[in-house]
């Protein structure tokens, strides 16, 4: 076999795919965009989570707003927040294939921070619910706040490669790259 001929992969039943199908599969896989490093992979996951938030609040699903969202609902109605979550998810998924992730991660960090503050505000005002149960909105605030911190941390990560001239060759020694 030459280097130009794609290798056939055996199927489940030990029957290999025809050569024409292997060539088509190799061509399709070569032309598909590739996720940009480990940060891009994480951004794909966060983008899917944001789109799920968007679908839940945009009006596709019939959901009632949580009591912890009172502060958020003073800013915008819930369907508009759903649109914002959906746009954020789309930005994250699109940016996962690019070098610059800063705008998408900044939008995600802002959205998560606002929602976490809303849950913290509700917990501070109503520590015990009217039915006598403890208010657990601090758990949602912790989850959303943790996601915001991880998004801010991911924004500071470098994907290793030749495209980053700001990478320092030795600790404490900055070099110029051309």
C-alpha atoms as a PDB file:
ATOM      1  CA  UNK A   1       0.000   0.000   0.000  1.00  0.00           C
ATOM      2  CA  UNK A   2       1.252   3.454  -0.783  1.00  0.00           C
ATOM      3  CA  UNK A   3       1.065   6.367   1.643  1.00  0.00           C
ATOM      4  CA  UNK A   4      -1.732   7.927  -0.423  1.00  0.00           C
ATOM      5  CA  UNK A   5      -4.089   4.974  -0.058  1.00  0.00           C
ATOM      6  CA  UNK A   6      -6.051   5.139   3.188  1.00  0.00           C
ATOM      7  CA  UNK A   7      -5.828   2.064   5.371  1.00  0.00           C
ATOM      8  CA  UNK A   8      -8.949   0.019   5.692  1.00  0.00           C
ATOM      9  CA  UNK A   9     -10.352  -0.401   9.159  1.00  0.00           C
ATOM     10  CA  UNK A  10     -12.064  -3.697   9.902  1.00  0.00           C
ATOM     11  CA  UNK A  11     -15.687  -3.435  10.893  1.00  0.00           C
ATOM     12  CA  UNK A  12     -17.355  -5.167  13.796  1.00  0.00           C
ATOM     13  CA  UNK A  13     -17.759  -8.390  11.882  1.00  0.00           C
ATOM     14  CA  UNK A  14     -14.189  -8.510  10.496  1.00  0.00           C
ATOM     15  CA  UNK A  15     -15.231  -7.253   7.061  1.00  0.00           C
ATOM     16  CA  UNK A  16     -13.183  -4.293   5.890  1.00  0.00           C
ATOM     17  CA  UNK A  17     -14.750  -1.275   4.206  1.00  0.00           C
ATOM     18  CA  UNK A  18     -14.330  -0.848   0.452  1.00  0.00           C
ATOM     19  CA  UNK A  19     -11.391   1.325  -0.665  1.00  0.00           C
ATOM     20  CA  UNK A  20     -13.690   3.991  -2.151  1.00  0.00           C
ATOM     21  CA  UNK A  21     -15.494   4.365   1.165  1.00  0.00           C
ATOM     22  CA  UNK A  22     -12.173   4.665   3.016  1.00  0.00           C
ATOM     23  CA  UNK A  23     -11.066   7.421   0.627  1.00  0.00           C
ATOM     24  CA  UNK A  24     -14.349   9.322   1.094  1.00  0.00           C
ATOM     25  CA  UNK A  25     -14.135   8.962   4.880  1.00  0.00           C
ATOM     26  CA  UNK A  26     -10.516  10.182   4.889  1.00  0.00           C
ATOM     27  CA  UNK A  27     -11.429  13.167   2.689  1.00  0.00           C
ATOM     28  CA  UNK A  28     -14.368  14.131   4.895  1.00  0.00           C
ATOM     29  CA  UNK A  29     -12.292  13.833   8.083  1.00  0.00           C
ATOM     30  CA  UNK A  30      -9.517  15.974   6.540  1.00  0.00           C
ATOM     31  CA  UNK A  31     -11.922  18.724   5.478  1.00  0.00           C
ATOM     32  CA  UNK A  32     -13.904  18.963   8.741  1.00  0.00           C
ATOM     33  CA  UNK A  33     -12.786  21.763  11.049  1.00  0.00           C
ATOM     34  CA  UNK A  34     -10.760  20.610  14.011  1.00  0.00           C
ATOM     35  CA  UNK A  35     -11.304  21.752  17.592  1.00  0.00           C
ATOM     36  CA  UNK A  36      -8.480  24.062  18.650  1.00  0.00           C
ATOM     37  CA  UNK A  37      -6.650  22.293  21.450  1.00  0.00           C
ATOM     38  CA  UNK A  38      -7.870  21.168  24.866  1.00  0.00           C
ATOM     39  CA  UNK A  39      -9.425  24.553  25.591  1.00  0.00           C
ATOM     40  CA  UNK A  40     -11.584  24.187  22.476  1.00  0.00           C
ATOM     41  CA  UNK A  41     -12.804  20.794  23.646  1.00  0.00           C
ATOM     42  CA  UNK A  42     -13.814  22.231  27.025  1.00  0.00           C
ATOM     43  CA  UNK A  43     -15.543  25.099  25.241  1.00  0.00           C
ATOM     44  CA  UNK A  44     -17.608  22.643  23.191  1.00  0.00           C
ATOM     45  CA  UNK A  45     -18.917  21.093  26.411  1.00  0.00           C
ATOM     46  CA  UNK A  46     -19.674  24.461  27.985  1.00  0.00           C
ATOM     47  CA  UNK A  47     -21.361  25.571  24.754  1.00  0.00           C
ATOM     48  CA  UNK A  48     -23.682  22.574  24.865  1.00  0.00           C
ATOM     49  CA  UNK A  49     -24.538  23.347  28.509  1.00  0.00           C
ATOM     50  CA  UNK A  50     -25.313  26.976  27.589  1.00  0.00           C
ATOM     51  CA  UNK A  51     -27.546  25.888  24.716  1.00  0.00           C
ATOM     52  CA  UNK A  52     -29.428  23.601  27.112  1.00  0.00           C
ATOM     53  CA  UNK A  53     -29.943  26.596  29.437  1.00  0.00           C
ATOM     54  CA  UNK A  54     -31.140  28.562  26.412  1.00  0.00           C
ATOM     55  CA  UNK A  55     -33.646  25.935  25.334  1.00  0.00           C
ATOM     56  CA  UNK A  56     -34.932  25.638  28.903  1.00  0.00           C
ATOM     57  CA  UNK A  57     -35.582  29.373  29.271  1.00  0.00           C
ATOM     58  CA  UNK A  58     -36.307  30.547  25.719  1.00  0.00           C
ATOM     59  CA  UNK A  59     -39.851  29.207  25.835  1.00  0.00           C
ATOM     60  CA  UNK A  60     -39.366  25.861  24.054  1.00  0.00           C
ATOM     61  CA  UNK A  61     -39.825  23.993  27.325  1.00  0.00           C
ATOM     62  CA  UNK A  62     -42.485  25.026  29.803  1.00  0.00           C
ATOM     63  CA  UNK A  63     -40.490  25.848  32.926  1.00  0.00           C
ATOM     64  CA  UNK A  64     -41.322  28.146  35.774  1.00  0.00           C
ATOM     65  CA  UNK A  65     -38.509  30.401  36.969  1.00  0.00           C
ATOM     66  CA  UNK A  66     -36.753  29.501  40.174  1.00  0.00           C
ATOM     67  CA  UNK A  67     -37.260  31.850  43.107  1.00  0.00           C
ATOM     68  CA  UNK A  68     -33.496  32.472  43.105  1.00  0.00           C
ATOM     69  CA  UNK A  69     -33.771  34.260  39.760  1.00  0.00           C
ATOM     70  CA  UNK A  70     -35.602  37.317  41.144  1.00  0.00           C
ATOM     71  CA  UNK A  71     -32.565  39.581  40.702  1.00  0.00           C
ATOM     72  CA  UNK A  72     -31.930  38.320  37.170  1.00  0.00           C
ATOM     73  CA  UNK A  73     -35.569  38.816  36.205  1.00  0.00           C
ATOM     74  CA  UNK A  74     -35.353  42.476  37.240  1.00  0.00           C
ATOM     75  CA  UNK A  75     -32.796  42.967  34.447  1.00  0.00           C
ATOM     76  CA  UNK A  76     -34.577  41.058  31.630  1.00  0.00           C
ATOM     77  CA  UNK A  77     -37.477  38.632  31.213  1.00  0.00           C
ATOM     78  CA  UNK A  78     -36.651  34.932  31.205  1.00  0.00           C
ATOM     79  CA  UNK A  79     -37.142  34.337  27.435  1.00  0.00           C
ATOM     80  CA  UNK A  80     -34.537  37.035  26.693  1.00  0.00           C
ATOM     81  CA  UNK A  81     -32.151  35.351  29.116  1.00  0.00           C
ATOM     82  CA  UNK A  82     -32.804  32.143  27.184  1.00  0.00           C
ATOM     83  CA  UNK A  83     -31.806  33.896  23.962  1.00  0.00           C
ATOM     84  CA  UNK A  84     -28.666  35.213  25.676  1.00  0.00           C
ATOM     85  CA  UNK A  85     -27.766  31.710  26.893  1.00  0.00           C
ATOM     86  CA  UNK A  86     -28.353  30.318  23.410  1.00  0.00           C
ATOM     87  CA  UNK A  87     -26.160  33.048  21.820  1.00  0.00           C
ATOM     88  CA  UNK A  88     -23.450  32.391  24.409  1.00  0.00           C
ATOM     89  CA  UNK A  89     -23.557  28.668  23.628  1.00  0.00           C
ATOM     90  CA  UNK A  90     -23.344  29.341  19.904  1.00  0.00           C
ATOM     91  CA  UNK A  91     -20.384  31.704  20.460  1.00  0.00           C
ATOM     92  CA  UNK A  92     -18.588  29.066  22.539  1.00  0.00           C
ATOM     93  CA  UNK A  93     -19.121  26.319  19.978  1.00  0.00           C
ATOM     94  CA  UNK A  94     -18.025  28.562  17.092  1.00  0.00           C
ATOM     95  CA  UNK A  95     -14.978  29.839  19.017  1.00  0.00           C
ATOM     96  CA  UNK A  96     -13.892  26.296  19.915  1.00  0.00           C
ATOM     97  CA  UNK A  97     -12.587  25.978  16.347  1.00  0.00           C
ATOM     98  CA  UNK A  98     -10.695  29.293  16.400  1.00  0.00           C
ATOM     99  CA  UNK A  99      -7.536  30.565  18.077  1.00  0.00           C
ATOM    100  CA  UNK A 100      -9.177  33.512  19.876  1.00  0.00           C
ATOM    101  CA  UNK A 101     -11.582  32.362  22.575  1.00  0.00           C
ATOM    102  CA  UNK A 102     -11.606  35.515  24.692  1.00  0.00           C
ATOM    103  CA  UNK A 103     -14.963  37.025  23.647  1.00  0.00           C
ATOM    104  CA  UNK A 104     -16.914  33.796  24.058  1.00  0.00           C
ATOM    105  CA  UNK A 105     -15.324  32.961  27.410  1.00  0.00           C
ATOM    106  CA  UNK A 106     -15.853  36.538  28.602  1.00  0.00           C
ATOM    107  CA  UNK A 107     -19.542  36.356  27.731  1.00  0.00           C
ATOM    108  CA  UNK A 108     -19.844  33.000  29.509  1.00  0.00           C
ATOM    109  CA  UNK A 109     -18.071  34.290  32.619  1.00  0.00           C
ATOM    110  CA  UNK A 110     -20.352  37.340  32.740  1.00  0.00           C
ATOM    111  CA  UNK A 111     -23.557  35.344  32.337  1.00  0.00           C
ATOM    112  CA  UNK A 112     -22.561  32.786  34.974  1.00  0.00           C
ATOM    113  CA  UNK A 113     -21.467  35.501  37.415  1.00  0.00           C
ATOM    114  CA  UNK A 114     -24.743  37.417  37.102  1.00  0.00           C
ATOM    115  CA  UNK A 115     -26.802  34.285  37.689  1.00  0.00           C
ATOM    116  CA  UNK A 116     -24.622  33.191  40.635  1.00  0.00           C
ATOM    117  CA  UNK A 117     -25.042  36.618  42.235  1.00  0.00           C
ATOM    118  CA  UNK A 118     -28.798  36.329  41.813  1.00  0.00           C
ATOM    119  CA  UNK A 119     -28.868  33.049  43.729  1.00  0.00           C
ATOM    120  CA  UNK A 120     -26.573  34.456  46.430  1.00  0.00           C
ATOM    121  CA  UNK A 121     -28.864  37.483  46.779  1.00  0.00           C
ATOM    122  CA  UNK A 122     -31.910  35.235  47.206  1.00  0.00           C
ATOM    123  CA  UNK A 123     -30.133  33.081  49.810  1.00  0.00           C
ATOM    124  CA  UNK A 124     -29.073  36.175  51.773  1.00  0.00           C
ATOM    125  CA  UNK A 125     -32.628  37.552  51.803  1.00  0.00           C
ATOM    126  CA  UNK A 126     -34.506  34.277  52.435  1.00  0.00           C
ATOM    127  CA  UNK A 127     -32.350  31.765  54.381  1.00  0.00           C
ATOM    128  CA  UNK A 128     -35.415  29.688  55.343  1.00  0.00           C
ATOM    129  CA  UNK A 129     -38.252  29.127  52.893  1.00  0.00           C
ATOM    130  CA  UNK A 130     -41.874  29.846  53.904  1.00  0.00           C
ATOM    131  CA  UNK A 131     -42.625  26.098  54.181  1.00  0.00           C
ATOM    132  CA  UNK A 132     -39.845  25.718  56.784  1.00  0.00           C
ATOM    133  CA  UNK A 133     -37.284  24.058  54.526  1.00  0.00           C
ATOM    134  CA  UNK A 134     -33.762  25.433  54.308  1.00  0.00           C
ATOM    135  CA  UNK A 135     -32.967  27.538  51.249  1.00  0.00           C
ATOM    136  CA  UNK A 136     -30.483  25.636  49.103  1.00  0.00           C
ATOM    137  CA  UNK A 137     -29.994  28.302  46.453  1.00  0.00           C
ATOM    138  CA  UNK A 138     -26.395  28.645  47.674  1.00  0.00           C
ATOM    139  CA  UNK A 139     -25.749  25.309  45.931  1.00  0.00           C
ATOM    140  CA  UNK A 140     -26.800  26.761  42.579  1.00  0.00           C
ATOM    141  CA  UNK A 141     -24.696  29.847  43.282  1.00  0.00           C
ATOM    142  CA  UNK A 142     -21.687  27.631  44.060  1.00  0.00           C
ATOM    143  CA  UNK A 143     -22.161  25.565  40.882  1.00  0.00           C
ATOM    144  CA  UNK A 144     -22.581  28.615  38.656  1.00  0.00           C
ATOM    145  CA  UNK A 145     -19.758  30.466  40.413  1.00  0.00           C
ATOM    146  CA  UNK A 146     -17.458  27.466  40.018  1.00  0.00           C
ATOM    147  CA  UNK A 147     -18.296  27.316  36.316  1.00  0.00           C
ATOM    148  CA  UNK A 148     -17.531  31.054  36.040  1.00  0.00           C
ATOM    149  CA  UNK A 149     -14.152  30.568  37.732  1.00  0.00           C
ATOM    150  CA  UNK A 150     -13.314  27.649  35.452  1.00  0.00           C
ATOM    151  CA  UNK A 151     -14.260  29.720  32.387  1.00  0.00           C
ATOM    152  CA  UNK A 152     -11.987  32.534  33.594  1.00  0.00           C
ATOM    153  CA  UNK A 153      -9.208  29.988  34.199  1.00  0.00           C
ATOM    154  CA  UNK A 154      -9.668  28.429  30.769  1.00  0.00           C
ATOM    155  CA  UNK A 155      -9.388  31.875  29.206  1.00  0.00           C
ATOM    156  CA  UNK A 156      -5.898  32.157  30.718  1.00  0.00           C
ATOM    157  CA  UNK A 157      -4.775  28.737  29.420  1.00  0.00           C
ATOM    158  CA  UNK A 158      -2.462  28.511  26.447  1.00  0.00           C
ATOM    159  CA  UNK A 159      -2.896  25.900  23.774  1.00  0.00           C
ATOM    160  CA  UNK A 160       0.618  24.751  22.976  1.00  0.00           C
ATOM    161  CA  UNK A 161       1.658  25.317  19.409  1.00  0.00           C
ATOM    162  CA  UNK A 162       3.621  27.481  17.020  1.00  0.00           C
ATOM    163  CA  UNK A 163       0.844  30.051  16.767  1.00  0.00           C
ATOM    164  CA  UNK A 164       1.516  31.572  20.203  1.00  0.00           C
ATOM    165  CA  UNK A 165       4.471  33.969  20.128  1.00  0.00           C
ATOM    166  CA  UNK A 166       3.796  34.914  23.747  1.00  0.00           C
ATOM    167  CA  UNK A 167       4.940  31.502  24.993  1.00  0.00           C
ATOM    168  CA  UNK A 168       8.083  31.894  27.083  1.00  0.00           C
ATOM    169  CA  UNK A 169      10.892  29.461  26.282  1.00  0.00           C
ATOM    170  CA  UNK A 170      12.447  29.427  29.754  1.00  0.00           C
ATOM    171  CA  UNK A 171      10.946  30.565  33.072  1.00  0.00           C
ATOM    172  CA  UNK A 172      11.825  34.164  33.777  1.00  0.00           C
ATOM    173  CA  UNK A 173      13.322  34.702  30.343  1.00  0.00           C
ATOM    174  CA  UNK A 174      11.153  36.368  27.704  1.00  0.00           C
ATOM    175  CA  UNK A 175      12.313  35.887  24.124  1.00  0.00           C
ATOM    176  CA  UNK A 176      11.175  37.488  20.911  1.00  0.00           C
ATOM    177  CA  UNK A 177       9.607  35.229  18.318  1.00  0.00           C
ATOM    178  CA  UNK A 178       9.456  36.131  14.688  1.00  0.00           C
END
